[in-house]
Amino acid sequence: MDKLDYDRKLDELDHLLNDPDVPIEPERVWSLLAEISRRDLGEMP
């Protein structure tokens, strides 16, 4: 995952969690968190 993709996922996560007009999507939130954490842990290039 490159920097642009990483930033896009963080933005999407922020939007899902903080925009009161957006219905929460737990499966998507967990998916984004898993992808972000794998990169942060160095498991993805």
C-alpha atoms as a PDB file:
ATOM      1  CA  MET A   1       0.000   0.000   0.000  1.00  0.00           C
ATOM      2  CA  ASP A   2       1.507   3.279  -1.050  1.00  0.00           C
ATOM      3  CA  LYS A   3       1.246   6.581   0.824  1.00  0.00           C
ATOM      4  CA  LEU A   4      -1.638   7.842  -1.316  1.00  0.00           C
ATOM      5  CA  ASP A   5      -3.700   4.685  -0.722  1.00  0.00           C
ATOM      6  CA  TYR A   6      -2.874   4.777   3.003  1.00  0.00           C
ATOM      7  CA  ASP A   7      -4.001   8.420   3.262  1.00  0.00           C
ATOM      8  CA  ARG A   8      -7.182   7.634   1.332  1.00  0.00           C
ATOM      9  CA  LYS A   9      -8.039   4.818   3.735  1.00  0.00           C
ATOM     10  CA  LEU A  10      -7.406   7.051   6.747  1.00  0.00           C
ATOM     11  CA  ASP A  11      -9.672   9.711   5.248  1.00  0.00           C
ATOM     12  CA  GLU A  12     -12.409   7.175   4.599  1.00  0.00           C
ATOM     13  CA  LEU A  13     -12.130   5.857   8.150  1.00  0.00           C
ATOM     14  CA  ASP A  14     -12.298   9.373   9.539  1.00  0.00           C
ATOM     15  CA  HIS A  15     -15.376  10.058   7.426  1.00  0.00           C
ATOM     16  CA  LEU A  16     -17.124   6.853   8.574  1.00  0.00           C
ATOM     17  CA  LEU A  17     -16.424   7.528  12.230  1.00  0.00           C
ATOM     18  CA  ASN A  18     -16.942  11.272  12.451  1.00  0.00           C
ATOM     19  CA  ASP A  19     -19.599  12.326   9.961  1.00  0.00           C
ATOM     20  CA  PRO A  20     -22.980  12.188  11.732  1.00  0.00           C
ATOM     21  CA  ASP A  21     -24.796  11.995   8.378  1.00  0.00           C
ATOM     22  CA  VAL A  22     -23.011   8.793   7.350  1.00  0.00           C
ATOM     23  CA  PRO A  23     -24.423   5.535   8.698  1.00  0.00           C
ATOM     24  CA  ILE A  24     -21.798   3.499  10.515  1.00  0.00           C
ATOM     25  CA  GLU A  25     -20.559   0.481   8.564  1.00  0.00           C
ATOM     26  CA  PRO A  26     -18.852  -1.761  11.148  1.00  0.00           C
ATOM     27  CA  GLU A  27     -17.532  -4.242   8.583  1.00  0.00           C
ATOM     28  CA  ARG A  28     -15.918  -1.464   6.537  1.00  0.00           C
ATOM     29  CA  VAL A  29     -14.468   0.206   9.653  1.00  0.00           C
ATOM     30  CA  TRP A  30     -12.859  -3.065  10.780  1.00  0.00           C
ATOM     31  CA  SER A  31     -11.589  -3.768   7.281  1.00  0.00           C
ATOM     32  CA  LEU A  32      -9.945  -0.350   7.034  1.00  0.00           C
ATOM     33  CA  LEU A  33      -8.436  -0.707  10.510  1.00  0.00           C
ATOM     34  CA  ALA A  34      -6.976  -4.103   9.582  1.00  0.00           C
ATOM     35  CA  GLU A  35      -5.435  -2.770   6.366  1.00  0.00           C
ATOM     36  CA  ILE A  36      -4.007   0.305   8.091  1.00  0.00           C
ATOM     37  CA  SER A  37      -2.586  -1.680  10.992  1.00  0.00           C
ATOM     38  CA  ARG A  38      -0.884  -4.200   8.682  1.00  0.00           C
ATOM     39  CA  ARG A  39       0.911  -1.329   6.962  1.00  0.00           C
ATOM     40  CA  ASP A  40       1.795   0.284  10.287  1.00  0.00           C
ATOM     41  CA  LEU A  41       3.222  -3.033  11.501  1.00  0.00           C
ATOM     42  CA  GLY A  42       5.327  -3.374   8.381  1.00  0.00           C
ATOM     43  CA  GLU A  43       3.472  -6.376   6.999  1.00  0.00           C
ATOM     44  CA  MET A  44       2.714  -4.619   3.696  1.00  0.00           C
ATOM     45  CA  PRO A  45       5.128  -2.774   1.437  1.00  0.00           C
END
